Amino acid sequence: MKKIKKGDDVIILAGKDKGKRGTVAKLVGDSRVQIQGVNTVKKHQKPNPSTGASGGIVNMDLPIHISNVALYNFTSKKSDRVGFEYDSDQKKIRIFRSSGEKI
């Protein structure tokens, strides 16, 4: 089970966007995540008539390493580490390490 999943609210711990919060848009491989509105760059793109893509300057979100993000805990308003426990049905669930509450 992964510690960070698609749709999680995370906070950036390191890099040019340190301190920003966002939602995980997708996981890229095992070690990178793409977050909405974070690590945005401008790309100059050529037009491609076969796919119908117009040319120009496009804003895109690039993935960042998973070690530079942490889950955001809304109750404590801080970043928090993730742990695992088993519930009564012996299913593995994610919990916040500081408070022990279920994510």
PDB file of N, CA and C in Angstrom:
ATOM      1  N   MET A   1       0.849  -1.181   0.000  1.00  0.00           N
ATOM      2  CA  MET A   1       0.000   0.000   0.000  1.00  0.00           C
ATOM      3  C   MET A   1       0.891   1.239   0.000  1.00  0.00           C
ATOM      4  N   LYS A   2       0.539   2.191  -0.819  1.00  0.00           N
ATOM      5  CA  LYS A   2       1.309   3.428  -0.944  1.00  0.00           C
ATOM      6  C   LYS A   2       0.938   4.393   0.176  1.00  0.00           C
ATOM      7  N   LYS A   3       1.904   5.206   0.578  1.00  0.00           N
ATOM      8  CA  LYS A   3       1.650   6.191   1.618  1.00  0.00           C
ATOM      9  C   LYS A   3       0.923   7.410   1.077  1.00  0.00           C
ATOM     10  N   ILE A   4       1.196   7.776  -0.177  1.00  0.00           N
ATOM     11  CA  ILE A   4       0.533   8.916  -0.802  1.00  0.00           C
ATOM     12  C   ILE A   4      -0.201   8.412  -2.037  1.00  0.00           C
ATOM     13  N   LYS A   5      -1.470   8.810  -2.156  1.00  0.00           N
ATOM     14  CA  LYS A   5      -2.309   8.344  -3.248  1.00  0.00           C
ATOM     15  C   LYS A   5      -2.859   9.530  -4.032  1.00  0.00           C
ATOM     16  N   LYS A   6      -3.448   9.244  -5.174  1.00  0.00           N
ATOM     17  CA  LYS A   6      -4.079  10.263  -5.990  1.00  0.00           C
ATOM     18  C   LYS A   6      -5.255  10.868  -5.220  1.00  0.00           C
ATOM     19  N   GLY A   7      -5.347  12.198  -5.236  1.00  0.00           N
ATOM     20  CA  GLY A   7      -6.429  12.884  -4.548  1.00  0.00           C
ATOM     21  C   GLY A   7      -6.089  13.330  -3.136  1.00  0.00           C
ATOM     22  N   ASP A   8      -4.932  12.944  -2.609  1.00  0.00           N
ATOM     23  CA  ASP A   8      -4.512  13.362  -1.269  1.00  0.00           C
ATOM     24  C   ASP A   8      -4.109  14.835  -1.270  1.00  0.00           C
ATOM     25  N   ASP A   9      -4.380  15.518  -0.157  1.00  0.00           N
ATOM     26  CA  ASP A   9      -3.905  16.880   0.035  1.00  0.00           C
ATOM     27  C   ASP A   9      -2.522  16.808   0.654  1.00  0.00           C
ATOM     28  N   VAL A  10      -1.549  17.435  -0.007  1.00  0.00           N
ATOM     29  CA  VAL A  10      -0.164  17.373   0.448  1.00  0.00           C
ATOM     30  C   VAL A  10       0.399  18.783   0.578  1.00  0.00           C
ATOM     31  N   ILE A  11       1.512  18.879   1.294  1.00  0.00           N
ATOM     32  CA  ILE A  11       2.248  20.129   1.440  1.00  0.00           C
ATOM     33  C   ILE A  11       3.675  19.871   0.964  1.00  0.00           C
ATOM     34  N   ILE A  12       4.262  20.861   0.296  1.00  0.00           N
ATOM     35  CA  ILE A  12       5.600  20.715  -0.271  1.00  0.00           C
ATOM     36  C   ILE A  12       6.631  21.034   0.811  1.00  0.00           C
ATOM     37  N   LEU A  13       7.611  20.145   0.998  1.00  0.00           N
ATOM     38  CA  LEU A  13       8.614  20.289   2.045  1.00  0.00           C
ATOM     39  C   LEU A  13       9.909  20.926   1.560  1.00  0.00           C
ATOM     40  N   ALA A  14      10.228  20.794   0.272  1.00  0.00           N
ATOM     41  CA  ALA A  14      11.512  21.296  -0.240  1.00  0.00           C
ATOM     42  C   ALA A  14      11.354  21.723  -1.682  1.00  0.00           C
ATOM     43  N   GLY A  15      12.228  22.625  -2.115  1.00  0.00           N
ATOM     44  CA  GLY A  15      12.234  23.074  -3.493  1.00  0.00           C
ATOM     45  C   GLY A  15      11.703  24.482  -3.629  1.00  0.00           C
ATOM     46  N   LYS A  16      11.501  24.920  -4.861  1.00  0.00           N
ATOM     47  CA  LYS A  16      11.087  26.300  -5.116  1.00  0.00           C
ATOM     48  C   LYS A  16       9.662  26.577  -4.662  1.00  0.00           C
ATOM     49  N   ASP A  17       8.837  25.565  -4.508  1.00  0.00           N
ATOM     50  CA  ASP A  17       7.454  25.728  -4.083  1.00  0.00           C
ATOM     51  C   ASP A  17       7.238  25.313  -2.629  1.00  0.00           C
ATOM     52  N   LYS A  18       8.274  25.388  -1.809  1.00  0.00           N
ATOM     53  CA  LYS A  18       8.201  24.963  -0.410  1.00  0.00           C
ATOM     54  C   LYS A  18       7.094  25.717   0.324  1.00  0.00           C
ATOM     55  N   GLY A  19       6.265  24.972   1.059  1.00  0.00           N
ATOM     56  CA  GLY A  19       5.182  25.567   1.833  1.00  0.00           C
ATOM     57  C   GLY A  19       3.852  25.593   1.117  1.00  0.00           C
ATOM     58  N   LYS A  20       3.820  25.358  -0.186  1.00  0.00           N
ATOM     59  CA  LYS A  20       2.561  25.361  -0.925  1.00  0.00           C
ATOM     60  C   LYS A  20       1.804  24.064  -0.678  1.00  0.00           C
ATOM     61  N   ARG A  21       0.474  24.178  -0.778  1.00  0.00           N
ATOM     62  CA  ARG A  21      -0.375  22.998  -0.642  1.00  0.00           C
ATOM     63  C   ARG A  21      -1.047  22.710  -1.962  1.00  0.00           C
ATOM     64  N   GLY A  22      -1.342  21.447  -2.203  1.00  0.00           N
ATOM     65  CA  GLY A  22      -2.015  21.060  -3.433  1.00  0.00           C
ATOM     66  C   GLY A  22      -2.559  19.654  -3.337  1.00  0.00           C
ATOM     67  N   THR A  23      -3.222  19.243  -4.394  1.00  0.00           N
ATOM     68  CA  THR A  23      -3.810  17.913  -4.470  1.00  0.00           C
ATOM     69  C   THR A  23      -3.021  17.080  -5.475  1.00  0.00           C
ATOM     70  N   VAL A  24      -2.777  15.837  -5.134  1.00  0.00           N
ATOM     71  CA  VAL A  24      -2.028  14.943  -6.012  1.00  0.00           C
ATOM     72  C   VAL A  24      -2.885  14.634  -7.234  1.00  0.00           C
ATOM     73  N   ALA A  25      -2.388  15.011  -8.410  1.00  0.00           N
ATOM     74  CA  ALA A  25      -3.105  14.773  -9.662  1.00  0.00           C
ATOM     75  C   ALA A  25      -2.854  13.353 -10.173  1.00  0.00           C
ATOM     76  N   LYS A  26      -1.582  12.925 -10.124  1.00  0.00           N
ATOM     77  CA  LYS A  26      -1.281  11.555 -10.533  1.00  0.00           C
ATOM     78  C   LYS A  26       0.079  11.142 -10.002  1.00  0.00           C
ATOM     79  N   LEU A  27       0.274   9.832  -9.922  1.00  0.00           N
ATOM     80  CA  LEU A  27       1.555   9.257  -9.530  1.00  0.00           C
ATOM     81  C   LEU A  27       2.319   8.928 -10.805  1.00  0.00           C
ATOM     82  N   VAL A  28       3.587   9.315 -10.840  1.00  0.00           N
ATOM     83  CA  VAL A  28       4.432   9.055 -12.001  1.00  0.00           C
ATOM     84  C   VAL A  28       5.505   8.072 -11.559  1.00  0.00           C
ATOM     85  N   GLY A  29       5.336   6.833 -11.930  1.00  0.00           N
ATOM     86  CA  GLY A  29       6.266   5.797 -11.491  1.00  0.00           C
ATOM     87  C   GLY A  29       6.096   5.528  -9.998  1.00  0.00           C
ATOM     88  N   ASP A  30       7.167   5.064  -9.363  1.00  0.00           N
ATOM     89  CA  ASP A  30       7.114   4.768  -7.937  1.00  0.00           C
ATOM     90  C   ASP A  30       7.570   5.929  -7.076  1.00  0.00           C
ATOM     91  N   SER A  31       8.346   6.848  -7.659  1.00  0.00           N
ATOM     92  CA  SER A  31       9.003   7.837  -6.810  1.00  0.00           C
ATOM     93  C   SER A  31       8.638   9.283  -7.103  1.00  0.00           C
ATOM     94  N   ARG A  32       7.683   9.545  -7.984  1.00  0.00           N
ATOM     95  CA  ARG A  32       7.345  10.929  -8.305  1.00  0.00           C
ATOM     96  C   ARG A  32       5.832  11.133  -8.283  1.00  0.00           C
ATOM     97  N   VAL A  33       5.413  12.356  -7.924  1.00  0.00           N
ATOM     98  CA  VAL A  33       4.007  12.725  -7.919  1.00  0.00           C
ATOM     99  C   VAL A  33       3.834  14.044  -8.649  1.00  0.00           C
ATOM    100  N   GLN A  34       2.694  14.192  -9.300  1.00  0.00           N
ATOM    101  CA  GLN A  34       2.360  15.438  -9.972  1.00  0.00           C
ATOM    102  C   GLN A  34       1.242  16.092  -9.176  1.00  0.00           C
ATOM    103  N   ILE A  35       1.463  17.353  -8.787  1.00  0.00           N
ATOM    104  CA  ILE A  35       0.538  18.066  -7.913  1.00  0.00           C
ATOM    105  C   ILE A  35      -0.032  19.259  -8.678  1.00  0.00           C
ATOM    106  N   GLN A  36      -1.342  19.471  -8.561  1.00  0.00           N
ATOM    107  CA  GLN A  36      -1.991  20.563  -9.285  1.00  0.00           C
ATOM    108  C   GLN A  36      -1.496  21.907  -8.784  1.00  0.00           C
ATOM    109  N   GLY A  37      -1.022  22.747  -9.700  1.00  0.00           N
ATOM    110  CA  GLY A  37      -0.603  24.096  -9.379  1.00  0.00           C
ATOM    111  C   GLY A  37       0.765  24.223  -8.747  1.00  0.00           C
ATOM    112  N   VAL A  38       1.539  23.155  -8.705  1.00  0.00           N
ATOM    113  CA  VAL A  38       2.868  23.166  -8.091  1.00  0.00           C
ATOM    114  C   VAL A  38       3.882  22.726  -9.131  1.00  0.00           C
ATOM    115  N   ASN A  39       5.064  23.343  -9.112  1.00  0.00           N
ATOM    116  CA  ASN A  39       6.145  23.065 -10.058  1.00  0.00           C
ATOM    117  C   ASN A  39       5.680  23.310 -11.492  1.00  0.00           C
ATOM    118  N   THR A  40       5.045  24.463 -11.700  1.00  0.00           N
ATOM    119  CA  THR A  40       4.526  24.832 -13.011  1.00  0.00           C
ATOM    120  C   THR A  40       5.618  25.490 -13.842  1.00  0.00           C
ATOM    121  N   VAL A  41       5.747  25.053 -15.087  1.00  0.00           N
ATOM    122  CA  VAL A  41       6.718  25.616 -16.019  1.00  0.00           C
ATOM    123  C   VAL A  41       5.994  25.977 -17.310  1.00  0.00           C
ATOM    124  N   LYS A  42       6.621  26.859 -18.091  1.00  0.00           N
ATOM    125  CA  LYS A  42       6.090  27.226 -19.400  1.00  0.00           C
ATOM    126  C   LYS A  42       6.864  26.463 -20.466  1.00  0.00           C
ATOM    127  N   LYS A  43       6.132  25.839 -21.372  1.00  0.00           N
ATOM    128  CA  LYS A  43       6.755  25.080 -22.454  1.00  0.00           C
ATOM    129  C   LYS A  43       6.352  25.704 -23.780  1.00  0.00           C
ATOM    130  N   HIS A  44       7.341  25.945 -24.653  1.00  0.00           N
ATOM    131  CA  HIS A  44       7.076  26.450 -25.987  1.00  0.00           C
ATOM    132  C   HIS A  44       6.810  25.253 -26.881  1.00  0.00           C
ATOM    133  N   GLN A  45       5.597  25.203 -27.420  1.00  0.00           N
ATOM    134  CA  GLN A  45       5.162  24.016 -28.140  1.00  0.00           C
ATOM    135  C   GLN A  45       4.897  24.349 -29.609  1.00  0.00           C
ATOM    136  N   LYS A  46       5.396  23.499 -30.501  1.00  0.00           N
ATOM    137  CA  LYS A  46       5.146  23.672 -31.926  1.00  0.00           C
ATOM    138  C   LYS A  46       3.749  23.145 -32.265  1.00  0.00           C
ATOM    139  N   PRO A  47       3.116  23.729 -33.278  1.00  0.00           N
ATOM    140  CA  PRO A  47       1.817  23.187 -33.702  1.00  0.00           C
ATOM    141  C   PRO A  47       1.994  21.833 -34.382  1.00  0.00           C
ATOM    142  N   ASN A  48       1.041  20.955 -34.164  1.00  0.00           N
ATOM    143  CA  ASN A  48       1.064  19.630 -34.772  1.00  0.00           C
ATOM    144  C   ASN A  48      -0.280  19.400 -35.455  1.00  0.00           C
ATOM    145  N   PRO A  49      -0.340  19.569 -36.769  1.00  0.00           N
ATOM    146  CA  PRO A  49      -1.631  19.460 -37.458  1.00  0.00           C
ATOM    147  C   PRO A  49      -2.216  18.047 -37.449  1.00  0.00           C
ATOM    148  N   SER A  50      -1.383  17.021 -37.320  1.00  0.00           N
ATOM    149  CA  SER A  50      -1.922  15.654 -37.338  1.00  0.00           C
ATOM    150  C   SER A  50      -2.713  15.340 -36.069  1.00  0.00           C
ATOM    151  N   THR A  51      -2.330  15.923 -34.920  1.00  0.00           N
ATOM    152  CA  THR A  51      -3.087  15.706 -33.680  1.00  0.00           C
ATOM    153  C   THR A  51      -4.025  16.863 -33.376  1.00  0.00           C
ATOM    154  N   GLY A  52      -3.905  17.952 -34.125  1.00  0.00           N
ATOM    155  CA  GLY A  52      -4.782  19.097 -33.898  1.00  0.00           C
ATOM    156  C   GLY A  52      -4.312  20.014 -32.791  1.00  0.00           C
ATOM    157  N   ALA A  53      -3.072  19.847 -32.323  1.00  0.00           N
ATOM    158  CA  ALA A  53      -2.543  20.681 -31.252  1.00  0.00           C
ATOM    159  C   ALA A  53      -2.057  22.000 -31.824  1.00  0.00           C
ATOM    160  N   SER A  54      -2.500  23.097 -31.202  1.00  0.00           N
ATOM    161  CA  SER A  54      -2.047  24.407 -31.664  1.00  0.00           C
ATOM    162  C   SER A  54      -0.727  24.755 -30.970  1.00  0.00           C
ATOM    163  N   GLY A  55       0.037  25.586 -31.629  1.00  0.00           N
ATOM    164  CA  GLY A  55       1.317  25.984 -31.071  1.00  0.00           C
ATOM    165  C   GLY A  55       1.172  27.136 -30.102  1.00  0.00           C
ATOM    166  N   GLY A  56       2.238  27.418 -29.364  1.00  0.00           N
ATOM    167  CA  GLY A  56       2.237  28.528 -28.431  1.00  0.00           C
ATOM    168  C   GLY A  56       2.919  28.163 -27.135  1.00  0.00           C
ATOM    169  N   ILE A  57       2.704  28.997 -26.125  1.00  0.00           N
ATOM    170  CA  ILE A  57       3.301  28.765 -24.815  1.00  0.00           C
ATOM    171  C   ILE A  57       2.260  28.094 -23.932  1.00  0.00           C
ATOM    172  N   VAL A  58       2.621  26.933 -23.404  1.00  0.00           N
ATOM    173  CA  VAL A  58       1.704  26.110 -22.615  1.00  0.00           C
ATOM    174  C   VAL A  58       2.238  26.008 -21.189  1.00  0.00           C
ATOM    175  N   ASN A  59       1.371  26.187 -20.198  1.00  0.00           N
ATOM    176  CA  ASN A  59       1.740  25.948 -18.798  1.00  0.00           C
ATOM    177  C   ASN A  59       1.519  24.485 -18.475  1.00  0.00           C
ATOM    178  N   MET A  60       2.516  23.866 -17.847  1.00  0.00           N
ATOM    179  CA  MET A  60       2.363  22.462 -17.459  1.00  0.00           C
ATOM    180  C   MET A  60       2.949  22.235 -16.075  1.00  0.00           C
ATOM    181  N   ASP A  61       2.342  21.301 -15.346  1.00  0.00           N
ATOM    182  CA  ASP A  61       2.823  20.908 -14.026  1.00  0.00           C
ATOM    183  C   ASP A  61       3.741  19.710 -14.186  1.00  0.00           C
ATOM    184  N   LEU A  62       4.976  19.844 -13.692  1.00  0.00           N
ATOM    185  CA  LEU A  62       5.928  18.744 -13.766  1.00  0.00           C
ATOM    186  C   LEU A  62       5.912  17.963 -12.453  1.00  0.00           C
ATOM    187  N   PRO A  63       6.244  16.679 -12.492  1.00  0.00           N
ATOM    188  CA  PRO A  63       6.269  15.888 -11.266  1.00  0.00           C
ATOM    189  C   PRO A  63       7.464  16.235 -10.385  1.00  0.00           C
ATOM    190  N   ILE A  64       7.292  16.030  -9.073  1.00  0.00           N
ATOM    191  CA  ILE A  64       8.385  16.217  -8.121  1.00  0.00           C
ATOM    192  C   ILE A  64       8.559  14.916  -7.335  1.00  0.00           C
ATOM    193  N   HIS A  65       9.705  14.792  -6.688  1.00  0.00           N
ATOM    194  CA  HIS A  65      10.011  13.563  -5.972  1.00  0.00           C
ATOM    195  C   HIS A  65       9.099  13.421  -4.753  1.00  0.00           C
ATOM    196  N   ILE A  66       8.726  12.202  -4.462  1.00  0.00           N
ATOM    197  CA  ILE A  66       7.768  11.919  -3.398  1.00  0.00           C
ATOM    198  C   ILE A  66       8.342  12.228  -2.008  1.00  0.00           C
ATOM    199  N   SER A  67       9.676  12.277  -1.900  1.00  0.00           N
ATOM    200  CA  SER A  67      10.281  12.591  -0.605  1.00  0.00           C
ATOM    201  C   SER A  67      10.161  14.071  -0.263  1.00  0.00           C
ATOM    202  N   ASN A  68       9.806  14.896  -1.231  1.00  0.00           N
ATOM    203  CA  ASN A  68       9.662  16.332  -0.999  1.00  0.00           C
ATOM    204  C   ASN A  68       8.239  16.755  -0.667  1.00  0.00           C
ATOM    205  N   VAL A  69       7.343  15.804  -0.474  1.00  0.00           N
ATOM    206  CA  VAL A  69       5.967  16.111  -0.094  1.00  0.00           C
ATOM    207  C   VAL A  69       5.589  15.318   1.146  1.00  0.00           C
ATOM    208  N   ALA A  70       4.625  15.847   1.895  1.00  0.00           N
ATOM    209  CA  ALA A  70       4.080  15.145   3.057  1.00  0.00           C
ATOM    210  C   ALA A  70       2.574  15.370   3.084  1.00  0.00           C
ATOM    211  N   LEU A  71       1.847  14.428   3.642  1.00  0.00           N
ATOM    212  CA  LEU A  71       0.408  14.555   3.761  1.00  0.00           C
ATOM    213  C   LEU A  71       0.060  15.717   4.676  1.00  0.00           C
ATOM    214  N   TYR A  72      -1.006  16.456   4.352  1.00  0.00           N
ATOM    215  CA  TYR A  72      -1.439  17.597   5.150  1.00  0.00           C
ATOM    216  C   TYR A  72      -2.550  17.142   6.082  1.00  0.00           C
ATOM    217  N   ASN A  73      -2.360  17.397   7.386  1.00  0.00           N
ATOM    218  CA  ASN A  73      -3.340  17.045   8.400  1.00  0.00           C
ATOM    219  C   ASN A  73      -4.194  18.277   8.679  1.00  0.00           C
ATOM    220  N   PHE A  74      -5.498  18.212   8.379  1.00  0.00           N
ATOM    221  CA  PHE A  74      -6.370  19.368   8.540  1.00  0.00           C
ATOM    222  C   PHE A  74      -6.661  19.691  10.000  1.00  0.00           C
ATOM    223  N   THR A  75      -6.601  18.709  10.888  1.00  0.00           N
ATOM    224  CA  THR A  75      -6.889  18.979  12.299  1.00  0.00           C
ATOM    225  C   THR A  75      -5.753  19.738  12.963  1.00  0.00           C
ATOM    226  N   SER A  76      -4.506  19.369  12.667  1.00  0.00           N
ATOM    227  CA  SER A  76      -3.370  20.051  13.278  1.00  0.00           C
ATOM    228  C   SER A  76      -2.834  21.185  12.405  1.00  0.00           C
ATOM    229  N   LYS A  77      -3.317  21.281  11.160  1.00  0.00           N
ATOM    230  CA  LYS A  77      -2.887  22.309  10.197  1.00  0.00           C
ATOM    231  C   LYS A  77      -1.385  22.252   9.918  1.00  0.00           C
ATOM    232  N   LYS A  78      -0.820  21.032   9.911  1.00  0.00           N
ATOM    233  CA  LYS A  78       0.600  20.819   9.658  1.00  0.00           C
ATOM    234  C   LYS A  78       0.779  19.596   8.775  1.00  0.00           C
ATOM    235  N   SER A  79       2.017  19.413   8.322  1.00  0.00           N
ATOM    236  CA  SER A  79       2.326  18.185   7.596  1.00  0.00           C
ATOM    237  C   SER A  79       2.438  17.042   8.606  1.00  0.00           C
ATOM    238  N   ASP A  80       2.186  15.844   8.120  1.00  0.00           N
ATOM    239  CA  ASP A  80       2.197  14.697   9.022  1.00  0.00           C
ATOM    240  C   ASP A  80       2.716  13.467   8.287  1.00  0.00           C
ATOM    241  N   ARG A  81       3.297  12.564   9.061  1.00  0.00           N
ATOM    242  CA  ARG A  81       3.777  11.313   8.496  1.00  0.00           C
ATOM    243  C   ARG A  81       2.637  10.299   8.452  1.00  0.00           C
ATOM    244  N   VAL A  82       2.826   9.271   7.632  1.00  0.00           N
ATOM    245  CA  VAL A  82       1.803   8.263   7.418  1.00  0.00           C
ATOM    246  C   VAL A  82       2.258   6.948   8.024  1.00  0.00           C
ATOM    247  N   GLY A  83       1.343   6.289   8.710  1.00  0.00           N
ATOM    248  CA  GLY A  83       1.601   4.960   9.240  1.00  0.00           C
ATOM    249  C   GLY A  83       0.501   4.016   8.789  1.00  0.00           C
ATOM    250  N   PHE A  84       0.633   2.753   9.136  1.00  0.00           N
ATOM    251  CA  PHE A  84      -0.349   1.752   8.744  1.00  0.00           C
ATOM    252  C   PHE A  84      -0.809   0.977   9.961  1.00  0.00           C
ATOM    253  N   GLU A  85      -2.082   0.611   9.965  1.00  0.00           N
ATOM    254  CA  GLU A  85      -2.681  -0.241  10.992  1.00  0.00           C
ATOM    255  C   GLU A  85      -3.659  -1.181  10.309  1.00  0.00           C
ATOM    256  N   TYR A  86      -4.081  -2.175  11.051  1.00  0.00           N
ATOM    257  CA  TYR A  86      -5.117  -3.084  10.576  1.00  0.00           C
ATOM    258  C   TYR A  86      -6.395  -2.794  11.336  1.00  0.00           C
ATOM    259  N   ASP A  87      -7.530  -2.715  10.611  1.00  0.00           N
ATOM    260  CA  ASP A  87      -8.808  -2.481  11.281  1.00  0.00           C
ATOM    261  C   ASP A  87      -9.404  -3.804  11.724  1.00  0.00           C
ATOM    262  N   SER A  88     -10.662  -3.787  12.162  1.00  0.00           N
ATOM    263  CA  SER A  88     -11.289  -4.990  12.706  1.00  0.00           C
ATOM    264  C   SER A  88     -11.483  -6.085  11.660  1.00  0.00           C
ATOM    265  N   ASP A  89     -11.570  -5.713  10.382  1.00  0.00           N
ATOM    266  CA  ASP A  89     -11.721  -6.699   9.314  1.00  0.00           C
ATOM    267  C   ASP A  89     -10.390  -7.159   8.754  1.00  0.00           C
ATOM    268  N   GLN A  90      -9.283  -6.815   9.447  1.00  0.00           N
ATOM    269  CA  GLN A  90      -7.918  -7.148   9.023  1.00  0.00           C
ATOM    270  C   GLN A  90      -7.572  -6.517   7.681  1.00  0.00           C
ATOM    271  N   LYS A  91      -8.147  -5.324   7.401  1.00  0.00           N
ATOM    272  CA  LYS A  91      -7.765  -4.554   6.226  1.00  0.00           C
ATOM    273  C   LYS A  91      -6.742  -3.523   6.645  1.00  0.00           C
ATOM    274  N   LYS A  92      -5.755  -3.295   5.812  1.00  0.00           N
ATOM    275  CA  LYS A  92      -4.702  -2.327   6.097  1.00  0.00           C
ATOM    276  C   LYS A  92      -5.219  -0.926   5.793  1.00  0.00           C
ATOM    277  N   ILE A  93      -5.091  -0.014   6.758  1.00  0.00           N
ATOM    278  CA  ILE A  93      -5.544   1.358   6.568  1.00  0.00           C
ATOM    279  C   ILE A  93      -4.406   2.323   6.885  1.00  0.00           C
ATOM    280  N   ARG A  94      -4.486   3.530   6.318  1.00  0.00           N
ATOM    281  CA  ARG A  94      -3.487   4.554   6.587  1.00  0.00           C
ATOM    282  C   ARG A  94      -3.934   5.404   7.761  1.00  0.00           C
ATOM    283  N   ILE A  95      -2.960   5.800   8.593  1.00  0.00           N
ATOM    284  CA  ILE A  95      -3.250   6.662   9.745  1.00  0.00           C
ATOM    285  C   ILE A  95      -2.207   7.774   9.801  1.00  0.00           C
ATOM    286  N   PHE A  96      -2.556   8.857  10.518  1.00  0.00           N
ATOM    287  CA  PHE A  96      -1.580   9.901  10.809  1.00  0.00           C
ATOM    288  C   PHE A  96      -0.743   9.447  11.997  1.00  0.00           C
ATOM    289  N   ARG A  97       0.571   9.611  11.908  1.00  0.00           N
ATOM    290  CA  ARG A  97       1.464   9.161  12.971  1.00  0.00           C
ATOM    291  C   ARG A  97       1.290   9.976  14.252  1.00  0.00           C
ATOM    292  N   SER A  98       1.038  11.289  14.134  1.00  0.00           N
ATOM    293  CA  SER A  98       0.989  12.143  15.317  1.00  0.00           C
ATOM    294  C   SER A  98      -0.251  11.873  16.161  1.00  0.00           C
ATOM    295  N   SER A  99      -1.394  11.702  15.525  1.00  0.00           N
ATOM    296  CA  SER A  99      -2.630  11.552  16.290  1.00  0.00           C
ATOM    297  C   SER A  99      -3.206  10.139  16.254  1.00  0.00           C
ATOM    298  N   GLY A 100      -2.832   9.357  15.273  1.00  0.00           N
ATOM    299  CA  GLY A 100      -3.347   7.993  15.172  1.00  0.00           C
ATOM    300  C   GLY A 100      -4.702   7.915  14.498  1.00  0.00           C
ATOM    301  N   GLU A 101      -5.244   9.049  14.048  1.00  0.00           N
ATOM    302  CA  GLU A 101      -6.551   9.021  13.412  1.00  0.00           C
ATOM    303  C   GLU A 101      -6.455   8.524  11.978  1.00  0.00           C
ATOM    304  N   LYS A 102      -7.554   7.960  11.500  1.00  0.00           N
ATOM    305  CA  LYS A 102      -7.610   7.370  10.160  1.00  0.00           C
ATOM    306  C   LYS A 102      -7.633   8.473   9.103  1.00  0.00           C
ATOM    307  N   ILE A 103      -6.961   8.235   7.993  1.00  0.00           N
ATOM    308  CA  ILE A 103      -6.924   9.209   6.893  1.00  0.00           C
ATOM    309  C   ILE A 103      -8.160   9.015   6.029  1.00  0.00           C
TER     310      ILE A 103
END
